[in-house]
């Protein structure tokens, strides 16, 4: 994938970035869809250029973007951020506090609420269908299956704000059960075949509903038996969302297919996400021929990605509800499913961005004694 190289700096970082941006392509007709897509693309590149210069503040980004005319809302977001910073500074000074905790006033049961400031969240659910139960599959929050379940719920999370991938704990896949972090939801669980026959299953993570289009800025990382893939809604031009500027490749050692999802330019690393399957389905997968007693481990991490171009003021007060469902797959269905019905995102991804990673449902773990 061709990527623009950043220019060397001779003056201040902000001045240099501004000089680079003045050489941008001709702007499409104002007020058109083409202009909005162009603006989003230019803003993404500006964000990368600024991060390379060590400028990470959202206020600085919006201010420079406004000066360059790269605004989607007439510059209102930049003004709001500046006013918010001044207001918080004055308030914290008056209260004598380092941190202002915004407590939510209501608990929304069954909803994972995401907001670019703070809201209250309910639970992310994991479900087994009746066919899965009849086949003998069970869920548990622990590898020893001391407590067997047919449905699991994440613990509630409060004070949700936008973060970035580097803010997620490096050991997020090593803690069992619900273990939410600062502004992200994390849940680790296990599934086991306790039936009498080998069986296959498909899984889906669905966006059940959202408001304010929050789902477009929501990112999800799924670990399957220790290997992760990061998913995000496709960008305005249909390409996978990217992040660039990491000193190390975050969660690179656990990547399902490192060369397909990570790259290095200069001394910095970049990440390429896998696009959501569609507006309702985040991801889908297939695990074939699960033997009796075989166990598989999953960790789901969900957050609002602050560097996503769709993470704007329009997200205030919004929420998104997600769930993960497991369905039994018969032998007759398995062939067509494996041909791409459930792993379609890899085929589409590979056709444009590189070789498709070989699908490996994960390493078998030994049943508990």
Protein backbone atom coordinates (compact mmCIF):
# COMPACT_ATOMS: atom_id res chain seq x y z
CA UNK A 1 0.00 0.00 0.00
CA UNK A 2 1.64 3.31 -1.01
CA UNK A 3 2.13 5.73 1.85
CA UNK A 4 3.19 9.36 1.84
CA UNK A 5 6.59 10.07 3.35
CA UNK A 6 6.72 12.95 5.81
CA UNK A 7 8.96 15.92 5.02
CA UNK A 8 12.01 16.93 7.10
CA UNK A 9 11.49 19.80 9.51
CA UNK A 10 13.51 23.00 9.38
CA UNK A 11 11.36 25.17 11.61
CA UNK A 12 8.90 24.39 14.37
CA UNK A 13 6.94 21.12 14.04
CA UNK A 14 3.61 22.88 13.53
CA UNK A 15 5.02 25.31 10.94
CA UNK A 16 6.61 22.46 9.02
CA UNK A 17 3.40 20.45 8.95
CA UNK A 18 1.51 23.53 7.78
CA UNK A 19 4.01 24.02 4.95
CA UNK A 20 3.62 20.41 3.88
CA UNK A 21 -0.17 20.64 3.89
CA UNK A 22 -0.19 23.72 1.64
CA UNK A 23 0.90 21.47 -1.21
CA UNK A 24 -2.22 19.33 -0.98
CA UNK A 25 -4.38 18.35 -3.98
CA UNK A 26 -7.11 20.62 -5.31
CA UNK A 27 -10.16 20.66 -3.08
CA UNK A 28 -13.40 19.24 -4.54
CA UNK A 29 -16.53 21.35 -4.88
CA UNK A 30 -17.62 22.61 -1.41
CA UNK A 31 -20.61 20.90 0.16
CA UNK A 32 -20.29 17.72 -1.87
CA UNK A 33 -19.75 14.16 -0.71
CA UNK A 34 -16.44 14.18 -2.55
CA UNK A 35 -15.29 17.17 -0.48
CA UNK A 36 -16.21 15.45 2.79
CA UNK A 37 -14.28 12.32 1.80
CA UNK A 38 -11.34 14.48 0.74
CA UNK A 39 -11.43 16.34 4.05
CA UNK A 40 -11.40 13.10 6.06
CA UNK A 41 -8.47 11.80 4.04
CA UNK A 42 -6.50 15.04 4.48
CA UNK A 43 -7.29 15.14 8.21
CA UNK A 44 -6.00 11.58 8.63
CA UNK A 45 -2.76 12.50 6.90
CA UNK A 46 -2.45 15.69 8.96
CA UNK A 47 -2.90 13.70 12.16
CA UNK A 48 -0.06 11.37 11.13
CA UNK A 49 2.18 14.29 10.19
CA UNK A 50 1.58 15.98 13.54
CA UNK A 51 2.19 12.79 15.50
CA UNK A 52 5.53 12.40 13.71
CA UNK A 53 6.39 15.88 14.94
CA UNK A 54 5.41 15.00 18.50
CA UNK A 55 2.16 17.00 18.42
CA UNK A 56 -0.51 14.77 19.96
CA UNK A 57 -2.95 17.21 21.55
CA UNK A 58 -6.48 17.08 20.07
CA UNK A 59 -6.73 20.84 20.63
CA UNK A 60 -3.54 21.49 18.66
CA UNK A 61 -4.70 19.16 15.90
CA UNK A 62 -8.10 20.84 15.54
CA UNK A 63 -6.54 24.31 15.68
CA UNK A 64 -4.04 23.53 12.91
CA UNK A 65 -6.72 21.75 10.87
CA UNK A 66 -8.92 24.83 11.18
CA UNK A 67 -6.08 27.10 10.05
CA UNK A 68 -5.58 24.88 7.00
CA UNK A 69 -9.29 24.79 6.22
CA UNK A 70 -9.53 21.07 6.98
CA UNK A 71 -12.68 21.23 9.09
CA UNK A 72 -15.92 19.30 8.75
CA UNK A 73 -18.03 21.53 10.98
CA UNK A 74 -16.89 25.06 10.24
CA UNK A 75 -14.28 24.90 13.01
CA UNK A 76 -16.80 24.40 15.81
CA UNK A 77 -14.95 21.38 17.20
CA UNK A 78 -11.70 23.34 17.61
CA UNK A 79 -13.51 26.18 19.39
CA UNK A 80 -15.34 23.75 21.68
CA UNK A 81 -12.12 21.97 22.62
CA UNK A 82 -10.39 25.25 23.42
CA UNK A 83 -13.35 26.48 25.48
CA UNK A 84 -13.58 23.10 27.24
CA UNK A 85 -9.89 23.19 28.14
CA UNK A 86 -10.22 26.71 29.57
CA UNK A 87 -13.38 25.78 31.47
CA UNK A 88 -11.82 22.64 32.97
CA UNK A 89 -8.65 24.52 33.92
CA UNK A 90 -10.65 27.16 35.78
CA UNK A 91 -12.91 24.58 37.42
CA UNK A 92 -10.05 22.37 38.58
CA UNK A 93 -8.25 25.41 39.93
CA UNK A 94 -11.33 26.39 41.92
CA UNK A 95 -11.86 22.86 43.25
CA UNK A 96 -8.18 22.22 43.95
CA UNK A 97 -8.40 18.82 42.20
CA UNK A 98 -6.10 17.13 39.71
CA UNK A 99 -8.84 15.05 38.14
CA UNK A 100 -12.48 15.79 37.51
CA UNK A 101 -14.68 12.69 37.75
CA UNK A 102 -17.90 12.96 35.80
CA UNK A 103 -20.32 10.46 37.37
CA UNK A 104 -23.12 9.10 35.22
CA UNK A 105 -26.63 9.58 36.56
CA UNK A 106 -28.26 6.43 35.26
CA UNK A 107 -27.35 2.80 34.60
CA UNK A 108 -28.43 1.46 31.21
CA UNK A 109 -28.88 -2.29 31.62
CA UNK A 110 -27.71 -4.45 28.71
CA UNK A 111 -25.98 -1.60 26.86
CA UNK A 112 -22.29 -0.95 26.35
CA UNK A 113 -22.31 2.83 26.26
CA UNK A 114 -19.49 4.65 24.51
CA UNK A 115 -18.95 8.39 24.53
CA UNK A 116 -16.15 10.80 23.79
CA UNK A 117 -16.57 12.29 27.28
CA UNK A 118 -18.22 10.01 29.89
CA UNK A 119 -21.34 7.93 30.16
CA UNK A 120 -22.48 4.75 31.91
CA UNK A 121 -22.33 1.31 30.32
CA UNK A 122 -24.22 -1.88 30.94
CA UNK A 123 -23.04 -5.27 29.77
CA UNK A 124 -21.57 -6.95 26.73
CA UNK A 125 -23.13 -10.40 26.37
CA UNK A 126 -21.87 -13.77 25.12
CA UNK A 127 -24.53 -16.29 24.08
CA UNK A 128 -24.79 -19.96 23.10
CA UNK A 129 -27.66 -20.96 20.84
CA UNK A 130 -29.91 -23.92 21.68
CA UNK A 131 -28.06 -26.01 19.07
CA UNK A 132 -24.75 -25.28 20.81
CA UNK A 133 -26.19 -26.40 24.14
CA UNK A 134 -27.58 -29.60 22.62
CA UNK A 135 -24.15 -30.31 21.11
CA UNK A 136 -22.66 -30.04 24.61
CA UNK A 137 -20.83 -26.70 24.46
CA UNK A 138 -20.50 -24.64 27.63
CA UNK A 139 -18.99 -21.29 28.61
CA UNK A 140 -16.94 -20.27 31.63
CA UNK A 141 -14.99 -17.27 32.88
CA UNK A 142 -12.22 -19.59 34.10
CA UNK A 143 -10.10 -22.24 32.40
CA UNK A 144 -10.97 -24.81 35.07
CA UNK A 145 -14.72 -24.46 34.34
CA UNK A 146 -15.61 -24.46 38.02
CA UNK A 147 -18.76 -22.60 37.01
CA UNK A 148 -20.40 -23.56 33.72
CA UNK A 149 -22.66 -21.08 31.91
CA UNK A 150 -24.73 -20.83 28.74
CA UNK A 151 -24.58 -17.02 28.77
CA UNK A 152 -22.03 -14.54 30.12
CA UNK A 153 -22.22 -10.83 30.90
CA UNK A 154 -19.41 -8.33 31.16
CA UNK A 155 -19.15 -6.15 34.25
CA UNK A 156 -20.37 -2.57 34.00
CA UNK A 157 -18.02 0.22 33.05
CA UNK A 158 -18.27 3.91 33.86
CA UNK A 159 -16.54 7.14 32.83
CA UNK A 160 -16.03 6.10 29.23
CA UNK A 161 -13.80 8.42 27.18
CA UNK A 162 -11.92 8.04 23.93
CA UNK A 163 -8.50 6.41 24.21
CA UNK A 164 -6.03 4.83 21.81
CA UNK A 165 -4.65 1.32 21.37
CA UNK A 166 -1.53 2.02 23.43
CA UNK A 167 -3.71 2.79 26.47
CA UNK A 168 -4.90 -0.84 26.68
CA UNK A 169 -3.07 -3.04 29.18
CA UNK A 170 -0.42 -5.25 27.58
CA UNK A 171 -1.65 -8.25 29.60
CA UNK A 172 -5.30 -7.80 28.61
CA UNK A 173 -5.46 -11.40 27.31
CA UNK A 174 -3.95 -12.86 30.49
CA UNK A 175 -6.71 -12.02 32.97
CA UNK A 176 -9.83 -14.20 33.17
CA UNK A 177 -13.39 -12.95 33.33
CA UNK A 178 -14.43 -9.29 33.19
CA UNK A 179 -11.45 -6.97 33.68
CA UNK A 180 -12.36 -3.59 32.26
CA UNK A 181 -9.59 -1.01 32.11
CA UNK A 182 -9.57 2.75 32.04
CA UNK A 183 -12.13 3.61 29.34
CA UNK A 184 -12.28 0.21 27.67
CA UNK A 185 -14.27 -2.97 28.08
CA UNK A 186 -12.34 -6.27 28.37
CA UNK A 187 -13.73 -9.75 28.87
CA UNK A 188 -11.93 -13.12 28.77
CA UNK A 189 -13.82 -16.39 28.67
CA UNK A 190 -13.57 -20.01 27.54
CA UNK A 191 -15.74 -22.38 25.51
CA UNK A 192 -15.54 -26.18 25.76
CA UNK A 193 -17.09 -29.15 24.02
CA UNK A 194 -18.47 -31.40 26.78
CA UNK A 195 -20.68 -33.39 24.41
CA UNK A 196 -20.16 -36.85 22.97
CA UNK A 197 -19.10 -35.96 19.42
CA UNK A 198 -16.67 -33.72 17.55
CA UNK A 199 -18.47 -30.57 16.38
CA UNK A 200 -17.83 -27.24 14.64
CA UNK A 201 -19.10 -23.78 15.54
CA UNK A 202 -19.32 -20.31 14.06
CA UNK A 203 -19.13 -17.10 16.08
CA UNK A 204 -20.25 -13.56 15.41
CA UNK A 205 -19.76 -10.24 17.16
CA UNK A 206 -22.69 -8.01 16.28
CA UNK A 207 -23.41 -4.33 16.74
CA UNK A 208 -26.98 -4.71 17.95
CA UNK A 209 -27.70 -0.98 18.00
CA UNK A 210 -26.07 2.42 18.35
CA UNK A 211 -26.94 6.10 18.44
CA UNK A 212 -25.05 9.15 17.21
CA UNK A 213 -23.20 6.76 14.85
CA UNK A 214 -20.88 5.84 17.73
CA UNK A 215 -20.10 2.49 16.13
CA UNK A 216 -18.03 4.16 13.41
CA UNK A 217 -15.42 5.24 15.97
CA UNK A 218 -15.61 2.03 18.00
CA UNK A 219 -12.69 -0.37 17.62
CA UNK A 220 -12.63 -3.99 18.73
CA UNK A 221 -9.76 -6.39 19.37
CA UNK A 222 -10.49 -10.12 19.49
CA UNK A 223 -8.01 -12.65 20.88
CA UNK A 224 -8.64 -16.26 19.88
CA UNK A 225 -6.34 -18.68 21.70
CA UNK A 226 -3.77 -15.93 22.21
CA UNK A 227 -3.81 -14.46 18.68
CA UNK A 228 -5.42 -11.08 18.06
CA UNK A 229 -7.04 -9.19 15.19
CA UNK A 230 -8.12 -5.55 15.47
CA UNK A 231 -11.34 -4.49 13.76
CA UNK A 232 -12.72 -1.05 12.89
CA UNK A 233 -15.33 0.40 10.60
CA UNK A 234 -13.92 1.12 7.14
CA UNK A 235 -12.84 4.69 6.39
CA UNK A 236 -14.91 7.08 4.29
CA UNK A 237 -13.07 5.99 1.13
CA UNK A 238 -13.66 2.31 1.92
CA UNK A 239 -10.10 1.50 3.00
CA UNK A 240 -9.20 -0.10 6.35
CA UNK A 241 -8.54 2.40 9.12
CA UNK A 242 -4.87 2.83 10.04
CA UNK A 243 -2.83 4.17 12.93
CA UNK A 244 0.80 5.23 12.51
CA UNK A 245 3.47 6.59 14.82
CA UNK A 246 3.99 3.82 17.39
CA UNK A 247 7.50 3.37 18.79
CA UNK A 248 6.73 -0.34 19.11
CA UNK A 249 4.05 -2.41 17.40
CA UNK A 250 1.24 -2.64 20.01
CA UNK A 251 0.17 -6.27 20.51
CA UNK A 252 2.30 -7.18 17.49
CA UNK A 253 3.64 -10.36 19.09
CA UNK A 254 0.08 -11.66 19.45
CA UNK A 255 -1.01 -10.68 15.92
CA UNK A 256 -2.91 -13.30 13.95
CA UNK A 257 -1.05 -12.25 10.78
CA UNK A 258 1.65 -9.68 11.59
CA UNK A 259 2.71 -8.88 8.03
CA UNK A 260 -0.88 -8.21 6.96
CA UNK A 261 -1.76 -5.92 9.86
CA UNK A 262 1.50 -4.12 10.80
CA UNK A 263 4.15 -2.20 8.89
CA UNK A 264 7.21 -0.09 9.68
CA UNK A 265 8.28 3.20 8.13
CA UNK A 266 11.48 4.72 9.41
CA UNK A 267 11.65 4.12 13.14
CA UNK A 268 7.86 4.04 13.63
CA UNK A 269 5.24 1.33 13.30
CA UNK A 270 1.80 1.43 11.77
CA UNK A 271 -1.30 -0.72 12.21
CA UNK A 272 -3.87 -1.68 9.57
CA UNK A 273 -7.24 -2.82 10.90
CA UNK A 274 -9.68 -5.32 9.42
CA UNK A 275 -12.93 -3.58 8.37
CA UNK A 276 -16.24 -4.56 9.93
CA UNK A 277 -18.13 -7.10 7.82
CA UNK A 278 -21.08 -4.71 7.43
CA UNK A 279 -23.10 -2.17 9.39
CA UNK A 280 -24.44 -4.81 11.77
CA UNK A 281 -21.68 -7.43 11.93
CA UNK A 282 -18.27 -6.57 13.34
CA UNK A 283 -16.61 -9.91 12.68
CA UNK A 284 -17.31 -13.58 12.17
CA UNK A 285 -15.29 -16.76 12.47
CA UNK A 286 -15.39 -20.52 12.24
CA UNK A 287 -13.76 -23.21 14.40
CA UNK A 288 -13.94 -26.67 12.86
CA UNK A 289 -13.76 -30.16 14.35
CA UNK A 290 -13.70 -29.29 18.03
CA UNK A 291 -13.00 -32.58 19.80
CA UNK A 292 -14.75 -33.71 22.97
CA UNK A 293 -13.02 -31.97 25.88
CA UNK A 294 -11.33 -29.37 23.64
CA UNK A 295 -11.27 -25.80 24.97
CA UNK A 296 -10.81 -22.46 23.24
CA UNK A 297 -10.10 -19.09 24.83
CA UNK A 298 -11.41 -15.67 23.76
CA UNK A 299 -10.75 -12.11 24.90
CA UNK A 300 -12.88 -9.23 23.61
CA UNK A 301 -11.69 -5.61 24.00
CA UNK A 302 -13.87 -2.66 22.93
CA UNK A 303 -13.01 1.04 23.02
CA UNK A 304 -13.58 4.40 21.33
CA UNK A 305 -10.46 5.09 19.27
CA UNK A 306 -9.53 8.73 19.76
CA UNK A 307 -7.45 8.86 16.56
CA UNK A 308 -10.27 7.57 14.39
CA UNK A 309 -11.42 10.38 12.06
CA UNK A 310 -15.03 9.63 13.04
CA UNK A 311 -14.31 10.35 16.73
CA UNK A 312 -15.89 13.81 16.78
CA UNK A 313 -18.20 15.89 18.95
CA UNK A 314 -21.16 14.25 17.25
CA UNK A 315 -20.56 11.21 19.49
CA UNK A 316 -21.50 13.04 22.69
CA UNK A 317 -24.28 11.14 24.45
CA UNK A 318 -24.23 8.20 22.05
CA UNK A 319 -24.03 4.49 22.80
CA UNK A 320 -23.48 1.19 21.03
CA UNK A 321 -24.67 -2.26 22.06
CA UNK A 322 -22.59 -5.33 21.14
CA UNK A 323 -23.01 -9.07 21.62
CA UNK A 324 -21.12 -12.25 20.71
CA UNK A 325 -23.05 -15.31 19.57
CA UNK A 326 -21.91 -18.90 19.04
CA UNK A 327 -23.83 -21.17 16.66
CA UNK A 328 -23.44 -24.88 15.95
CA UNK A 329 -22.39 -25.76 12.41
CA UNK A 330 -23.36 -29.07 10.78
CA UNK A 331 -21.05 -31.08 8.54
CA UNK A 332 -23.16 -30.16 5.52
CA UNK A 333 -22.74 -26.45 6.20
CA UNK A 334 -19.05 -26.48 7.04
CA UNK A 335 -17.73 -26.57 3.47
CA UNK A 336 -19.61 -23.49 2.31
CA UNK A 337 -18.83 -21.63 5.53
CA UNK A 338 -15.12 -22.29 5.26
CA UNK A 339 -15.17 -21.16 1.63
CA UNK A 340 -15.72 -17.63 2.82
CA UNK A 341 -19.18 -17.12 4.26
CA UNK A 342 -17.76 -16.62 7.74
CA UNK A 343 -14.21 -15.50 6.94
CA UNK A 344 -15.13 -13.27 4.04
CA UNK A 345 -13.39 -10.24 5.51
CA UNK A 346 -9.98 -11.90 5.05
CA UNK A 347 -10.59 -12.69 1.40
CA UNK A 348 -11.71 -9.14 0.65
CA UNK A 349 -8.86 -7.69 2.70
CA UNK A 350 -6.24 -9.85 0.99
CA UNK A 351 -7.48 -9.15 -2.52
CA UNK A 352 -6.54 -5.49 -2.10
CA UNK A 353 -3.93 -5.30 0.63
CA UNK A 354 -1.87 -8.48 0.50
CA UNK A 355 -1.93 -12.25 0.99
CA UNK A 356 -4.71 -13.64 3.12
CA UNK A 357 -3.51 -15.11 6.41
CA UNK A 358 -4.09 -18.82 6.79
CA UNK A 359 -7.05 -19.36 9.08
CA UNK A 360 -6.05 -21.26 12.20
CA UNK A 361 -8.84 -21.71 14.72
CA UNK A 362 -6.32 -21.72 17.57
CA UNK A 363 -4.19 -24.05 19.60
CA UNK A 364 -5.97 -26.78 21.49
CA UNK A 365 -5.65 -26.45 25.23
CA UNK A 366 -5.66 -29.41 27.56
CA UNK A 367 -8.94 -30.09 29.35
CA UNK A 368 -8.94 -29.42 33.07
CA UNK A 369 -8.29 -32.49 35.15
